[in-house]
């Protein structure tokens, strides 16, 4: 399995953490993003994630490279799930190991923020009273067609 991937299968966090665990690392920071039931006053039934998969993996690898430049001792594994996800299902898992905890936390936080910023993964929220494609993951851009245009995600 590659260090960064997109999957349609449930994410196994133990396996991801074990891939960065090593004798010289004193810290493994694991971020697990799950599907929550409530967003404001709306009750979510489930989410549907889609991705421009080839570009998404390329962008995840870019994030791993950026982390390597900022925290040279870090090892990183990022897995994002697509397809239909139920409440509490894991949507994304990021494991970072470093010699010390501060850099593991910082690098892990950096990874999730960059994912939301540059990786072409989008979701459709299904509620009790409707559904809607959500724009980019930072919520700063609306996708009127439900997906970003190719020119938007290649920049």
Foldseek 3Di string as FASTA:
>chain_A
DDLEAEAQDFDDQVVNQVVFDDDQFPDKDKDWDFAAQDDPPFGFFKKAKDFPGVLLRVQLVVLQVVLCVVAVQKDKHKYAYGGIHGGGGTGIMMMITGNDDVSNVVSRVSSVVSSQVAGQMWMWTQTPVGIDTQPGSVSPDRDPVSGDDPVVRVD
